[in-house]
N, C-alpha and C. Protein backbone atom coordinates (compact mmCIF):
# COMPACT_ATOMS: atom_id res chain seq x y z
N TYR A 1 97.25 115.43 96.16
CA TYR A 1 98.62 114.83 96.12
C TYR A 1 99.38 115.17 94.84
N ASN A 2 98.64 115.56 93.82
CA ASN A 2 99.33 115.94 92.53
C ASN A 2 100.00 117.32 92.80
N ASP A 3 99.29 118.18 93.52
CA ASP A 3 99.94 119.50 93.89
C ASP A 3 101.18 119.29 94.66
N LEU A 4 101.07 118.24 95.59
CA LEU A 4 102.26 117.97 96.55
C LEU A 4 103.38 117.50 95.77
N MET A 5 103.16 116.68 94.73
CA MET A 5 104.24 116.18 93.88
C MET A 5 104.96 117.33 93.25
N ASP A 6 104.21 118.30 92.61
CA ASP A 6 104.84 119.42 91.94
C ASP A 6 105.61 120.25 92.98
N PHE A 7 105.05 120.43 94.16
CA PHE A 7 105.72 121.14 95.18
C PHE A 7 107.08 120.51 95.61
N THR A 8 106.97 119.15 95.81
CA THR A 8 108.12 118.39 96.24
C THR A 8 109.29 118.52 95.26
N GLU A 9 108.94 118.35 93.98
CA GLU A 9 109.96 118.45 92.95
C GLU A 9 110.64 119.81 92.89
N GLU A 10 109.83 120.88 92.92
CA GLU A 10 110.34 122.22 92.95
C GLU A 10 111.23 122.50 94.19
N PHE A 11 110.74 122.01 95.30
CA PHE A 11 111.33 122.20 96.60
C PHE A 11 112.77 121.68 96.71
N PHE A 12 112.87 120.37 96.28
CA PHE A 12 114.11 119.68 96.37
C PHE A 12 115.15 120.26 95.24
N LYS A 13 114.65 120.54 94.10
CA LYS A 13 115.51 121.13 93.05
C LYS A 13 116.03 122.47 93.45
N THR A 14 115.26 123.25 94.10
CA THR A 14 115.70 124.56 94.51
C THR A 14 116.75 124.40 95.62
N ILE A 15 116.56 123.48 96.57
CA ILE A 15 117.60 123.32 97.59
C ILE A 15 118.89 122.89 97.07
N ILE A 16 118.90 121.82 96.18
CA ILE A 16 120.06 121.25 95.68
C ILE A 16 120.84 122.23 94.75
N LYS A 17 120.07 122.97 93.93
CA LYS A 17 120.69 123.97 93.00
C LYS A 17 121.37 125.06 93.82
N GLN A 18 120.66 125.57 94.82
CA GLN A 18 121.26 126.64 95.61
C GLN A 18 122.38 126.22 96.53
N THR A 19 122.41 124.89 96.82
CA THR A 19 123.48 124.46 97.70
C THR A 19 124.75 124.09 96.90
N PHE A 20 124.54 123.45 95.75
CA PHE A 20 125.68 122.93 94.97
C PHE A 20 125.98 123.62 93.68
N GLY A 21 125.00 124.46 93.23
CA GLY A 21 125.20 125.14 92.02
C GLY A 21 124.91 124.24 90.80
N THR A 22 124.36 123.04 91.01
CA THR A 22 124.16 122.05 90.00
C THR A 22 123.01 121.11 90.49
N LEU A 23 122.41 120.37 89.63
CA LEU A 23 121.39 119.35 90.01
C LEU A 23 121.97 118.00 89.90
N LYS A 24 123.18 117.88 89.79
CA LYS A 24 123.92 116.51 89.68
C LYS A 24 124.90 116.49 90.93
N ILE A 25 124.63 115.43 91.76
CA ILE A 25 125.59 115.27 92.89
C ILE A 25 126.11 113.76 92.89
N LYS A 26 127.14 113.62 93.70
CA LYS A 26 127.67 112.23 93.83
C LYS A 26 127.19 111.68 95.19
N PHE A 27 126.81 110.35 95.17
CA PHE A 27 126.48 109.67 96.39
C PHE A 27 126.88 108.22 96.35
N GLN A 28 127.81 107.87 97.19
CA GLN A 28 128.21 106.42 97.33
C GLN A 28 128.62 105.88 95.94
N GLY A 29 129.36 106.70 95.11
CA GLY A 29 129.82 106.20 93.84
C GLY A 29 128.82 106.37 92.62
N ASN A 30 127.59 106.83 92.97
CA ASN A 30 126.57 107.08 91.91
C ASN A 30 126.44 108.55 91.72
N GLU A 31 126.18 108.94 90.47
CA GLU A 31 125.82 110.33 90.10
C GLU A 31 124.27 110.38 90.21
N ILE A 32 123.81 111.17 91.15
CA ILE A 32 122.36 111.39 91.18
C ILE A 32 121.94 112.70 90.42
N ASN A 33 121.11 112.47 89.49
CA ASN A 33 120.71 113.65 88.61
C ASN A 33 119.27 114.06 88.94
N PHE A 34 119.18 115.24 89.49
CA PHE A 34 117.90 115.75 89.90
C PHE A 34 117.24 116.62 88.86
N SER A 35 117.91 116.75 87.70
CA SER A 35 117.36 117.63 86.65
C SER A 35 116.18 116.88 85.86
N GLY A 36 115.55 117.56 84.96
CA GLY A 36 114.53 117.00 84.18
C GLY A 36 113.25 116.71 85.03
N LYS A 37 112.29 116.21 84.36
CA LYS A 37 110.97 115.90 85.05
C LYS A 37 111.14 114.50 85.70
N TRP A 38 110.89 114.41 87.02
CA TRP A 38 111.06 113.16 87.70
C TRP A 38 109.97 112.14 87.25
N PRO A 39 110.32 110.83 86.92
CA PRO A 39 109.35 109.87 86.49
C PRO A 39 108.37 109.44 87.57
N LYS A 40 107.30 109.08 87.21
CA LYS A 40 106.23 108.46 88.16
C LYS A 40 106.14 107.01 87.83
N ILE A 41 106.41 106.18 88.89
CA ILE A 41 106.46 104.75 88.77
C ILE A 41 105.24 104.11 89.51
N ASP A 42 104.49 103.29 88.88
CA ASP A 42 103.38 102.70 89.46
C ASP A 42 103.73 101.50 90.36
N TYR A 43 103.25 101.51 91.60
CA TYR A 43 103.70 100.55 92.64
C TYR A 43 103.46 99.11 92.07
N THR A 44 102.19 98.84 91.55
CA THR A 44 101.86 97.51 91.22
C THR A 44 102.68 97.06 89.98
N LYS A 45 102.95 97.98 89.05
CA LYS A 45 103.59 97.54 87.85
C LYS A 45 105.15 97.31 88.14
N ILE A 46 105.68 98.16 89.06
CA ILE A 46 107.19 97.95 89.33
C ILE A 46 107.34 96.56 90.13
N ILE A 47 106.41 96.23 90.96
CA ILE A 47 106.48 94.96 91.71
C ILE A 47 106.44 93.86 90.67
N LYS A 48 105.59 93.89 89.62
CA LYS A 48 105.53 92.82 88.67
C LYS A 48 106.78 92.78 87.85
N GLU A 49 107.30 93.95 87.45
CA GLU A 49 108.49 94.01 86.63
C GLU A 49 109.70 93.45 87.36
N LYS A 50 109.80 93.62 88.60
CA LYS A 50 111.03 93.21 89.36
C LYS A 50 110.88 91.76 89.96
N THR A 51 109.65 91.37 90.19
CA THR A 51 109.47 89.94 90.75
C THR A 51 108.65 89.06 90.03
N GLY A 52 107.90 89.48 89.01
CA GLY A 52 107.03 88.66 88.31
C GLY A 52 105.67 88.43 89.10
N ILE A 53 105.43 89.05 90.22
CA ILE A 53 104.20 88.97 91.02
C ILE A 53 103.17 90.00 90.53
N ASP A 54 101.99 89.49 90.18
CA ASP A 54 100.98 90.46 89.71
C ASP A 54 99.94 90.71 91.01
N LEU A 55 100.05 91.83 91.58
CA LEU A 55 99.32 92.06 92.81
C LEU A 55 97.85 92.05 92.52
N ASN A 56 97.44 92.44 91.24
CA ASN A 56 95.98 92.49 90.88
C ASN A 56 95.46 91.02 90.89
N LYS A 57 96.29 90.07 90.45
CA LYS A 57 95.90 88.69 90.44
C LYS A 57 95.96 88.05 91.80
N GLU A 58 97.07 88.29 92.52
CA GLU A 58 97.25 87.75 93.87
C GLU A 58 96.58 88.65 94.88
N ASP A 59 95.25 88.64 94.91
CA ASP A 59 94.53 89.64 95.71
C ASP A 59 94.08 89.27 97.07
N THR A 60 94.66 88.07 97.54
CA THR A 60 94.55 87.89 99.00
C THR A 60 95.96 87.42 99.50
N LYS A 61 96.08 87.45 100.82
CA LYS A 61 97.36 87.15 101.47
C LYS A 61 97.82 85.72 101.10
N GLU A 62 96.91 84.77 101.07
CA GLU A 62 97.17 83.40 100.85
C GLU A 62 97.68 83.23 99.38
N LYS A 63 97.00 83.91 98.44
CA LYS A 63 97.50 83.89 97.04
C LYS A 63 98.81 84.42 96.83
N LEU A 64 99.02 85.59 97.56
CA LEU A 64 100.33 86.26 97.40
C LEU A 64 101.44 85.42 97.91
N ILE A 65 101.23 84.90 99.07
CA ILE A 65 102.36 84.01 99.67
C ILE A 65 102.57 82.80 98.82
N SER A 66 101.57 82.24 98.32
CA SER A 66 101.75 81.07 97.40
C SER A 66 102.54 81.39 96.16
N ALA A 67 102.18 82.51 95.56
CA ALA A 67 102.93 82.98 94.35
C ALA A 67 104.44 83.24 94.64
N ILE A 68 104.71 83.89 95.84
CA ILE A 68 106.04 84.21 96.28
C ILE A 68 106.83 82.93 96.37
N ARG A 69 106.29 81.93 97.04
CA ARG A 69 106.90 80.61 97.18
C ARG A 69 107.17 79.89 95.87
N LYS A 70 106.15 79.98 94.99
CA LYS A 70 106.36 79.29 93.71
C LYS A 70 107.57 79.92 92.91
N LYS A 71 107.65 81.18 93.06
CA LYS A 71 108.81 81.81 92.37
C LYS A 71 110.09 81.79 93.01
N GLY A 72 110.13 81.24 94.27
CA GLY A 72 111.36 81.13 95.02
C GLY A 72 111.92 82.45 95.41
N LEU A 73 111.12 83.47 95.64
CA LEU A 73 111.62 84.73 96.03
C LEU A 73 112.04 84.75 97.55
N LYS A 74 113.13 85.41 97.80
CA LYS A 74 113.76 85.29 99.18
C LYS A 74 113.27 86.46 100.07
N ILE A 75 112.19 86.21 100.72
CA ILE A 75 111.72 87.12 101.77
C ILE A 75 111.22 86.34 102.99
N ASP A 76 111.28 86.92 104.09
CA ASP A 76 110.85 86.19 105.34
C ASP A 76 109.33 86.49 105.35
N ILE A 77 108.62 85.32 105.39
CA ILE A 77 107.08 85.41 105.42
C ILE A 77 106.64 85.01 106.78
N ASP A 78 105.89 85.98 107.41
CA ASP A 78 105.30 85.73 108.74
C ASP A 78 103.78 85.59 108.41
N GLU A 79 103.27 84.40 108.73
CA GLU A 79 101.82 84.06 108.46
C GLU A 79 100.91 85.01 109.22
N ASN A 80 101.38 85.67 110.19
CA ASN A 80 100.49 86.58 111.04
C ASN A 80 100.25 87.98 110.30
N LEU A 81 101.22 88.24 109.40
CA LEU A 81 101.14 89.52 108.72
C LEU A 81 99.99 89.54 107.64
N GLY A 82 99.46 90.73 107.43
CA GLY A 82 98.47 90.88 106.42
C GLY A 82 99.11 91.02 105.00
N ARG A 83 98.25 91.03 103.98
CA ARG A 83 98.66 91.06 102.61
C ARG A 83 99.52 92.35 102.35
N GLY A 84 99.08 93.47 102.95
CA GLY A 84 99.92 94.69 102.85
C GLY A 84 101.35 94.61 103.25
N ARG A 85 101.60 94.01 104.33
CA ARG A 85 102.98 93.88 104.88
C ARG A 85 103.77 92.83 104.08
N VAL A 86 103.14 91.81 103.49
CA VAL A 86 103.84 90.93 102.68
C VAL A 86 104.28 91.55 101.38
N MET A 87 103.35 92.32 100.80
CA MET A 87 103.75 93.10 99.56
C MET A 87 104.82 94.11 99.80
N ASP A 88 104.77 94.77 101.03
CA ASP A 88 105.74 95.74 101.40
C ASP A 88 107.15 95.16 101.51
N GLN A 89 107.15 93.89 102.00
CA GLN A 89 108.47 93.14 102.08
C GLN A 89 109.08 92.97 100.68
N LEU A 90 108.13 92.58 99.73
CA LEU A 90 108.57 92.44 98.32
C LEU A 90 109.20 93.65 97.77
N TYR A 91 108.43 94.71 98.01
CA TYR A 91 108.93 96.10 97.61
C TYR A 91 110.31 96.42 98.12
N LYS A 92 110.43 96.28 99.45
CA LYS A 92 111.68 96.63 100.13
C LYS A 92 112.87 95.78 99.73
N GLN A 93 112.60 94.53 99.39
CA GLN A 93 113.69 93.66 98.99
C GLN A 93 114.05 93.72 97.52
N TYR A 94 113.02 93.85 96.65
CA TYR A 94 113.34 93.77 95.21
C TYR A 94 113.10 95.05 94.35
N VAL A 95 112.45 95.94 94.95
CA VAL A 95 112.17 97.32 94.21
C VAL A 95 113.08 98.44 94.73
N ARG A 96 112.81 98.74 95.97
CA ARG A 96 113.43 99.99 96.56
C ARG A 96 114.93 100.13 96.29
N PRO A 97 115.72 99.08 96.53
CA PRO A 97 117.15 99.24 96.35
C PRO A 97 117.61 99.61 94.94
N ASN A 98 116.76 99.32 93.95
CA ASN A 98 117.07 99.59 92.55
C ASN A 98 116.60 100.97 92.08
N LEU A 99 115.96 101.70 92.80
CA LEU A 99 115.46 103.00 92.49
C LEU A 99 116.41 104.12 92.97
N ILE A 100 117.49 104.32 92.10
CA ILE A 100 118.59 105.20 92.39
C ILE A 100 118.33 106.64 92.05
N GLN A 101 117.82 106.93 90.81
CA GLN A 101 117.59 108.23 90.45
C GLN A 101 116.24 108.70 90.95
N PRO A 102 116.01 110.08 91.17
CA PRO A 102 114.84 110.55 91.77
C PRO A 102 113.56 110.12 90.98
N CYS A 103 112.59 109.61 91.69
CA CYS A 103 111.37 109.23 91.13
C CYS A 103 110.26 109.27 92.13
N PHE A 104 109.01 109.34 91.61
CA PHE A 104 107.87 109.23 92.46
C PHE A 104 107.17 107.86 92.27
N LEU A 105 107.10 107.13 93.47
CA LEU A 105 106.32 105.96 93.47
C LEU A 105 104.90 106.31 93.79
N ILE A 106 103.90 105.84 92.91
CA ILE A 106 102.61 106.29 93.04
C ILE A 106 101.59 105.02 92.99
N ASN A 107 100.37 105.30 93.28
CA ASN A 107 99.25 104.32 93.24
C ASN A 107 99.51 103.14 94.20
N HIS A 108 99.80 103.45 95.42
CA HIS A 108 99.99 102.47 96.40
C HIS A 108 98.66 101.73 96.77
N PRO A 109 98.66 100.43 96.92
CA PRO A 109 97.50 99.73 97.38
C PRO A 109 96.89 100.25 98.68
N ILE A 110 95.64 100.03 98.80
CA ILE A 110 94.94 100.56 100.09
C ILE A 110 95.50 99.73 101.24
N ASP A 111 95.95 98.46 101.04
CA ASP A 111 96.41 97.70 102.10
C ASP A 111 97.53 98.28 102.94
N ILE A 112 98.33 99.06 102.27
CA ILE A 112 99.50 99.64 102.95
C ILE A 112 99.34 101.21 103.13
N SER A 113 98.13 101.72 102.96
CA SER A 113 97.90 103.12 103.11
C SER A 113 96.59 103.44 103.89
N PRO A 114 96.54 103.11 105.15
CA PRO A 114 95.29 103.16 105.88
C PRO A 114 94.84 104.61 106.16
N LEU A 115 95.70 105.60 105.93
CA LEU A 115 95.27 107.01 106.19
C LEU A 115 95.11 107.85 104.97
N ALA A 116 95.34 107.24 103.72
CA ALA A 116 95.21 107.92 102.54
C ALA A 116 93.94 107.73 101.83
N LYS A 117 93.50 108.76 101.08
CA LYS A 117 92.26 108.77 100.39
C LYS A 117 92.31 107.77 99.16
N LYS A 118 91.21 107.18 98.85
CA LYS A 118 91.18 106.15 97.71
C LYS A 118 91.29 106.96 96.47
N HIS A 119 91.86 106.24 95.54
CA HIS A 119 92.07 106.84 94.16
C HIS A 119 90.74 106.92 93.49
N LYS A 120 90.62 108.03 92.74
CA LYS A 120 89.35 108.26 92.09
C LYS A 120 89.00 107.24 91.03
N ASP A 121 90.04 106.71 90.36
CA ASP A 121 89.65 105.69 89.32
C ASP A 121 89.71 104.33 89.69
N ASN A 122 90.33 104.03 90.90
CA ASN A 122 90.47 102.61 91.38
C ASN A 122 90.43 102.65 92.89
N PRO A 123 89.29 102.24 93.56
CA PRO A 123 89.15 102.23 94.98
C PRO A 123 90.13 101.25 95.74
N LYS A 124 90.77 100.42 95.03
CA LYS A 124 91.78 99.52 95.65
C LYS A 124 93.12 100.20 95.80
N LEU A 125 93.32 101.40 95.23
CA LEU A 125 94.57 102.18 95.23
C LEU A 125 94.24 103.47 96.06
N THR A 126 95.33 104.21 96.32
CA THR A 126 95.23 105.46 97.06
C THR A 126 95.98 106.61 96.36
N GLN A 127 95.56 107.81 96.75
CA GLN A 127 96.18 109.00 96.27
C GLN A 127 97.47 109.35 97.08
N ARG A 128 98.44 108.54 96.84
CA ARG A 128 99.69 108.59 97.73
C ARG A 128 100.81 108.52 96.80
N PHE A 129 101.97 109.16 97.14
CA PHE A 129 103.21 109.06 96.53
C PHE A 129 104.38 109.00 97.46
N GLN A 130 105.54 108.42 97.12
CA GLN A 130 106.73 108.49 97.87
C GLN A 130 107.84 108.96 96.90
N LEU A 131 108.70 109.88 97.33
CA LEU A 131 109.88 110.25 96.62
C LEU A 131 111.02 109.34 97.01
N LEU A 132 111.58 108.70 96.04
CA LEU A 132 112.75 107.79 96.27
C LEU A 132 114.01 108.39 95.59
N VAL A 133 115.05 108.35 96.32
CA VAL A 133 116.38 108.75 95.81
C VAL A 133 117.48 107.83 96.42
N ALA A 134 118.24 107.22 95.56
CA ALA A 134 119.45 106.38 96.01
C ALA A 134 118.87 105.28 96.84
N GLY A 135 117.75 104.60 96.47
CA GLY A 135 117.23 103.49 97.24
C GLY A 135 116.65 103.84 98.61
N SER A 136 116.38 105.10 98.88
CA SER A 136 115.79 105.57 100.14
C SER A 136 114.48 106.38 99.88
N GLU A 137 113.54 106.16 100.85
CA GLU A 137 112.29 106.91 100.77
C GLU A 137 112.60 108.30 101.46
N ILE A 138 112.50 109.38 100.71
CA ILE A 138 112.73 110.69 101.30
C ILE A 138 111.44 111.44 101.64
N VAL A 139 110.51 111.20 100.94
CA VAL A 139 109.14 111.82 101.22
C VAL A 139 108.03 110.80 101.13
N ASN A 140 107.07 110.84 102.00
CA ASN A 140 105.91 110.10 101.98
C ASN A 140 104.67 111.12 102.07
N ALA A 141 103.80 111.18 101.07
CA ALA A 141 102.77 112.12 101.07
C ALA A 141 101.43 111.52 100.48
N PHE A 142 100.32 112.07 100.81
CA PHE A 142 99.07 111.59 100.27
C PHE A 142 97.94 112.54 100.49
N THR A 143 96.87 112.41 99.70
CA THR A 143 95.72 113.18 99.97
C THR A 143 95.14 112.54 101.27
N GLU A 144 94.82 113.31 102.30
CA GLU A 144 94.33 112.85 103.54
C GLU A 144 92.91 112.28 103.36
N LEU A 145 92.66 111.09 103.93
CA LEU A 145 91.35 110.54 104.01
C LEU A 145 90.48 111.37 104.99
N ASN A 146 89.45 111.93 104.42
CA ASN A 146 88.63 112.79 105.32
C ASN A 146 87.17 112.30 105.41
N ASP A 147 86.98 111.02 105.08
CA ASP A 147 85.65 110.40 105.26
C ASP A 147 85.70 109.63 106.55
N PRO A 148 85.03 110.00 107.61
CA PRO A 148 85.12 109.22 108.93
C PRO A 148 84.56 107.82 108.87
N ILE A 149 83.60 107.51 107.93
CA ILE A 149 83.09 106.18 107.82
C ILE A 149 84.21 105.18 107.24
N ASP A 150 84.77 105.69 106.17
CA ASP A 150 85.85 104.90 105.49
C ASP A 150 87.00 104.69 106.48
N GLN A 151 87.39 105.82 107.17
CA GLN A 151 88.50 105.76 108.12
C GLN A 151 88.22 104.77 109.21
N ARG A 152 87.05 104.74 109.71
CA ARG A 152 86.72 103.75 110.83
C ARG A 152 86.85 102.30 110.34
N GLU A 153 86.32 102.12 109.13
CA GLU A 153 86.46 100.77 108.50
C GLU A 153 87.91 100.31 108.31
N ARG A 154 88.72 101.21 107.89
CA ARG A 154 90.20 100.84 107.70
C ARG A 154 90.84 100.64 109.05
N PHE A 155 90.46 101.50 110.05
CA PHE A 155 91.04 101.17 111.43
C PHE A 155 90.68 99.85 111.94
N GLU A 156 89.38 99.40 111.64
CA GLU A 156 88.88 98.11 112.08
C GLU A 156 89.67 97.03 111.43
N GLU A 157 89.88 97.17 110.07
CA GLU A 157 90.75 96.13 109.40
C GLU A 157 92.12 96.12 109.96
N GLN A 158 92.72 97.35 110.30
CA GLN A 158 94.02 97.29 110.84
C GLN A 158 94.10 96.58 112.26
N MET A 159 93.07 96.81 113.06
CA MET A 159 92.99 96.17 114.36
C MET A 159 92.92 94.70 114.26
N LYS A 160 92.22 94.13 113.21
CA LYS A 160 92.20 92.73 112.99
C LYS A 160 93.62 92.15 112.78
N LEU A 161 94.32 92.95 111.95
CA LEU A 161 95.72 92.53 111.70
C LEU A 161 96.58 92.56 112.86
N ARG A 162 96.27 93.58 113.76
CA ARG A 162 97.13 93.72 115.01
C ARG A 162 96.79 92.62 115.95
N GLU A 163 95.55 92.26 116.08
CA GLU A 163 95.19 91.17 116.94
C GLU A 163 95.67 89.85 116.39
N ALA A 164 95.95 89.77 115.11
CA ALA A 164 96.55 88.52 114.55
C ALA A 164 98.02 88.42 114.72
N GLY A 165 98.68 89.59 115.22
CA GLY A 165 100.09 89.50 115.50
C GLY A 165 100.92 90.60 114.73
N ASP A 166 100.28 91.43 113.97
CA ASP A 166 101.02 92.49 113.20
C ASP A 166 101.16 93.73 114.22
N GLU A 167 102.34 93.94 114.79
CA GLU A 167 102.53 94.98 115.77
C GLU A 167 102.59 96.32 115.16
N GLU A 168 102.77 96.36 113.76
CA GLU A 168 102.88 97.69 113.08
C GLU A 168 101.52 98.20 112.71
N ALA A 169 100.45 97.40 112.81
CA ALA A 169 99.19 97.77 112.29
C ALA A 169 98.67 98.89 113.18
N GLN A 170 97.81 99.74 112.61
CA GLN A 170 97.21 100.92 113.25
C GLN A 170 96.21 100.44 114.28
N MET A 171 96.12 101.29 115.30
CA MET A 171 95.02 101.04 116.37
C MET A 171 93.97 102.04 116.06
N ILE A 172 92.68 101.79 116.52
CA ILE A 172 91.59 102.69 116.28
C ILE A 172 91.76 103.94 117.14
N ASP A 173 91.69 105.09 116.44
CA ASP A 173 91.94 106.46 117.09
C ASP A 173 90.61 107.12 117.11
N GLU A 174 89.84 106.98 118.23
CA GLU A 174 88.44 107.53 118.29
C GLU A 174 88.53 109.11 118.15
N ASP A 175 89.47 109.74 118.79
CA ASP A 175 89.61 111.12 118.70
C ASP A 175 89.76 111.62 117.19
N PHE A 176 90.64 110.87 116.51
CA PHE A 176 90.89 111.27 115.12
C PHE A 176 89.56 111.12 114.34
N ILE A 177 88.87 110.05 114.54
CA ILE A 177 87.62 109.82 113.74
C ILE A 177 86.59 110.93 114.18
N GLU A 178 86.59 111.32 115.36
CA GLU A 178 85.59 112.34 115.82
C GLU A 178 85.97 113.57 115.18
N SER A 179 87.25 113.93 114.99
CA SER A 179 87.66 115.21 114.33
C SER A 179 87.17 115.14 112.85
N LEU A 180 87.25 113.97 112.22
CA LEU A 180 86.81 113.80 110.74
C LEU A 180 85.38 114.11 110.70
N GLU A 181 84.67 113.66 111.74
CA GLU A 181 83.19 113.79 111.77
C GLU A 181 82.78 115.30 111.82
N ILE A 182 83.56 116.02 112.53
CA ILE A 182 83.38 117.58 112.58
C ILE A 182 83.62 118.11 111.13
N GLY A 183 84.58 117.53 110.52
CA GLY A 183 84.87 118.05 109.17
C GLY A 183 86.32 118.38 108.89
N LEU A 184 86.86 117.81 107.73
CA LEU A 184 88.20 118.19 107.33
C LEU A 184 88.07 118.49 105.82
N PRO A 185 88.51 119.68 105.51
CA PRO A 185 88.44 119.99 104.07
C PRO A 185 89.59 119.13 103.21
N PRO A 186 89.49 119.18 101.93
CA PRO A 186 90.48 118.52 101.14
C PRO A 186 91.94 118.97 101.52
N THR A 187 92.72 117.97 101.94
CA THR A 187 94.00 118.22 102.58
C THR A 187 95.07 117.29 102.02
N GLY A 188 96.28 117.71 101.86
CA GLY A 188 97.32 116.83 101.60
C GLY A 188 98.38 116.78 102.69
N GLY A 189 98.91 115.62 103.05
CA GLY A 189 99.87 115.34 104.06
C GLY A 189 101.27 115.14 103.50
N PHE A 190 102.27 115.69 104.08
CA PHE A 190 103.66 115.62 103.58
C PHE A 190 104.64 115.35 104.69
N GLY A 191 105.31 114.24 104.58
CA GLY A 191 106.34 113.92 105.59
C GLY A 191 107.74 113.67 104.89
N MET A 192 108.75 114.24 105.56
CA MET A 192 110.09 114.26 104.86
C MET A 192 111.09 113.71 105.75
N GLY A 193 111.83 112.72 105.31
CA GLY A 193 112.96 112.13 106.04
C GLY A 193 114.20 112.98 105.93
N ILE A 194 114.26 113.97 106.75
CA ILE A 194 115.34 115.03 106.52
C ILE A 194 116.71 114.47 106.82
N ASP A 195 116.87 113.49 107.74
CA ASP A 195 118.10 112.93 107.95
C ASP A 195 118.64 112.16 106.79
N ARG A 196 117.78 111.37 106.16
CA ARG A 196 118.07 110.64 104.96
C ARG A 196 118.52 111.59 103.83
N PHE A 197 117.79 112.71 103.68
CA PHE A 197 118.14 113.67 102.61
C PHE A 197 119.49 114.32 102.93
N PHE A 198 119.81 114.66 104.14
CA PHE A 198 121.10 115.19 104.47
C PHE A 198 122.17 114.21 104.22
N ALA A 199 121.92 112.89 104.53
CA ALA A 199 122.91 111.88 104.27
C ALA A 199 123.31 111.78 102.78
N ILE A 200 122.28 111.94 101.96
CA ILE A 200 122.57 111.90 100.49
C ILE A 200 123.34 113.17 100.12
N LEU A 201 122.93 114.33 100.61
CA LEU A 201 123.62 115.53 100.27
C LEU A 201 125.08 115.62 100.68
N THR A 202 125.39 114.92 101.78
CA THR A 202 126.75 114.95 102.32
C THR A 202 127.49 113.70 102.10
N ASP A 203 126.87 112.79 101.20
CA ASP A 203 127.57 111.53 100.75
C ASP A 203 127.90 110.68 102.07
N GLN A 204 127.02 110.48 102.92
CA GLN A 204 127.22 109.63 104.12
C GLN A 204 126.45 108.33 103.91
N ASP A 205 127.10 107.25 104.32
CA ASP A 205 126.40 105.85 104.13
C ASP A 205 125.43 105.50 105.20
N THR A 206 125.29 106.33 106.27
CA THR A 206 124.40 106.11 107.35
C THR A 206 123.89 107.41 107.89
N VAL A 207 122.59 107.44 108.28
CA VAL A 207 122.01 108.70 108.83
C VAL A 207 122.57 108.98 110.22
N ARG A 208 123.27 108.02 110.86
CA ARG A 208 123.88 108.32 112.12
C ARG A 208 124.93 109.50 112.11
N GLU A 209 125.47 109.61 110.90
CA GLU A 209 126.49 110.68 110.69
C GLU A 209 125.90 112.07 110.64
N VAL A 210 124.55 112.09 110.42
CA VAL A 210 123.94 113.55 110.20
C VAL A 210 122.90 113.80 111.22
N VAL A 211 122.56 112.92 112.06
CA VAL A 211 121.53 113.17 113.07
C VAL A 211 122.00 114.26 114.06
N LEU A 212 121.23 115.29 114.20
CA LEU A 212 121.73 116.49 115.07
C LEU A 212 121.75 116.16 116.49
N PHE A 213 120.85 115.35 117.03
CA PHE A 213 120.71 115.00 118.39
C PHE A 213 120.56 113.50 118.56
N PRO A 214 121.59 112.73 118.33
CA PRO A 214 121.51 111.28 118.38
C PRO A 214 121.28 110.83 119.80
N MET A 215 120.47 109.67 119.85
CA MET A 215 120.30 109.04 121.16
C MET A 215 121.57 108.49 121.71
N MET A 216 121.82 108.65 122.95
CA MET A 216 123.02 108.19 123.63
C MET A 216 122.70 106.87 124.47
N LYS A 217 123.70 106.00 124.43
CA LYS A 217 123.45 104.75 125.25
C LYS A 217 123.53 105.09 126.70
N PRO A 218 122.71 104.46 127.55
CA PRO A 218 122.84 104.59 129.01
C PRO A 218 124.17 104.27 129.52
N GLU A 219 124.67 104.82 130.50
CA GLU A 219 125.98 104.54 131.05
C GLU A 219 126.12 103.08 131.40
N GLU A 220 125.05 102.46 131.98
CA GLU A 220 125.14 101.02 132.27
C GLU A 220 125.54 100.21 131.04
N GLU A 221 124.88 100.50 129.90
CA GLU A 221 125.16 99.67 128.72
C GLU A 221 126.58 99.95 128.21
N LYS A 222 127.07 101.14 128.36
CA LYS A 222 128.43 101.46 127.99
C LYS A 222 129.44 100.64 128.77
N ARG A 223 129.20 100.50 130.05
CA ARG A 223 130.10 99.71 130.82
C ARG A 223 130.06 98.19 130.52
N ASP A 224 128.81 97.76 130.13
CA ASP A 224 128.76 96.30 129.81
C ASP A 224 129.58 96.10 128.51
């Protein structure tokens, strides 16, 4: 994923420079500066900075929810969700909107990264990053988890969350696990929100303005 970060920065800078002739563009009243080395922001540290919540200390769902309530933070808490989804709500409410200039969010907890390989220095974290620009996630990337035993254990944890009511939790994918058992070399995965990127480049406040093939409402709904 370190190689992917280098590739991502070079890739986006090249596109922007060749398109606009500069690495500074305007978006919704902000100047977005893509020049220089993009900072790397630690997920756990930025959560603590913006909310006062220490994810290392609040290491269970119950502790995390209790800390959120004590601090009076305004997020919707669903008791059926796992710790990962609760911390993700904290991030989306208090962190993501404030990350305007290009940056890499790194060291995501394993709770919210079921397909990413564990961090070499801390097994509670993963080798994952997200590129954020103007409060939007433009890229999600990570070193692929290629250990079938670890992957099965994580799928099983996800299934427990799903059975408890978390509809976004992963289901067990036996075909995927079987593929890992055959063997997967060290691999990095890269996903890009191209519509979000185009919205920023064209200064649009919604991706609906840049989607090439938008979904159309059925005729019955239009008449209603």
